[in-house]
């Protein structure tokens, strides 16, 4: 499970996870990129809801006053 956080100004994103979780996240990104190549345009969402292929954690890893958890991550491909 990974945790995605942003800073208070939304200028920086933090991705926290075990090495295994980060590898699974990378595999998911790779799969999305392949679907984008095949379909031309593709969008997927990762959420904190149970049952997601990669479930996002709601447990804050950074500083509570400086960071907040992202509960939904949308990844979109586009043709160049």
Protein backbone atom coordinates (compact mmCIF):
# COMPACT_ATOMS: atom_id res chain seq x y z
CA UNK A 1 0.00 0.00 0.00
CA UNK A 2 1.29 3.46 -0.81
CA UNK A 3 0.52 6.85 0.67
CA UNK A 4 0.45 9.91 -1.58
CA UNK A 5 0.64 13.29 0.10
CA UNK A 6 0.91 16.91 -0.96
CA UNK A 7 2.37 19.87 0.86
CA UNK A 8 0.15 22.71 2.09
CA UNK A 9 0.74 24.78 -1.07
CA UNK A 10 0.29 21.78 -3.41
CA UNK A 11 3.73 22.45 -4.86
CA UNK A 12 5.25 19.11 -3.92
CA UNK A 13 3.97 15.52 -3.96
CA UNK A 14 5.32 12.79 -1.67
CA UNK A 15 4.92 9.06 -2.39
CA UNK A 16 5.56 6.76 0.57
CA UNK A 17 5.68 2.97 0.39
CA UNK A 18 7.69 -0.16 0.95
CA UNK A 19 10.02 -1.24 -1.87
CA UNK A 20 7.48 -3.90 -2.86
CA UNK A 21 4.58 -1.41 -2.89
CA UNK A 22 6.60 1.04 -4.98
CA UNK A 23 7.43 -1.71 -7.49
CA UNK A 24 3.72 -2.56 -7.76
CA UNK A 25 2.95 1.13 -8.29
CA UNK A 26 5.61 1.29 -11.03
CA UNK A 27 4.12 -1.81 -12.70
CA UNK A 28 0.69 -0.15 -12.62
CA UNK A 29 2.10 2.99 -14.24
CA UNK A 30 3.74 0.84 -16.92
CA UNK A 31 0.45 -0.97 -17.61
CA UNK A 32 -1.38 2.36 -17.91
CA UNK A 33 1.24 3.60 -20.38
CA UNK A 34 0.82 0.46 -22.49
CA UNK A 35 -2.96 0.88 -22.54
CA UNK A 36 -2.44 4.47 -23.64
CA UNK A 37 -0.25 3.34 -26.53
CA UNK A 38 -2.87 0.82 -27.61
CA UNK A 39 -5.97 2.97 -27.12
CA UNK A 40 -4.45 6.39 -27.78
CA UNK A 41 -5.93 7.87 -24.61
CA UNK A 42 -6.50 6.16 -21.27
CA UNK A 43 -7.40 7.16 -17.71
CA UNK A 44 -7.35 5.21 -14.43
CA UNK A 45 -7.94 6.17 -10.83
CA UNK A 46 -6.28 4.86 -7.70
CA UNK A 47 -8.27 5.45 -4.52
CA UNK A 48 -8.39 4.71 -0.82
CA UNK A 49 -11.41 2.46 -1.38
CA UNK A 50 -10.92 -1.22 -0.68
CA UNK A 51 -10.75 -3.34 -3.80
CA UNK A 52 -8.57 -0.97 -5.80
CA UNK A 53 -5.75 -2.77 -7.60
CA UNK A 54 -3.36 -0.49 -5.78
CA UNK A 55 -5.09 0.81 -2.69
CA UNK A 56 -3.93 4.18 -1.41
CA UNK A 57 -3.39 4.53 2.32
CA UNK A 58 -5.04 7.28 4.36
CA UNK A 59 -2.36 7.10 7.05
CA UNK A 60 -0.34 10.31 7.00
CA UNK A 61 3.40 9.65 6.79
CA UNK A 62 4.67 13.25 6.72
CA UNK A 63 4.21 16.17 9.07
CA UNK A 64 0.52 16.72 9.96
CA UNK A 65 0.73 20.50 9.80
CA UNK A 66 2.56 20.52 6.48
CA UNK A 67 1.15 17.56 4.53
CA UNK A 68 -2.25 16.15 3.65
CA UNK A 69 -3.18 12.76 2.19
CA UNK A 70 -4.40 12.48 -1.39
CA UNK A 71 -7.40 10.14 -1.47
CA UNK A 72 -7.75 9.81 -5.24
CA UNK A 73 -5.05 9.81 -7.90
CA UNK A 74 -6.08 10.04 -11.54
CA UNK A 75 -3.50 9.03 -14.13
CA UNK A 76 -4.15 9.99 -17.75
CA UNK A 77 -2.26 9.17 -20.90
CA UNK A 78 -2.35 11.31 -24.00
CA UNK A 79 -1.01 11.03 -27.48
CA UNK A 80 1.73 13.45 -28.34
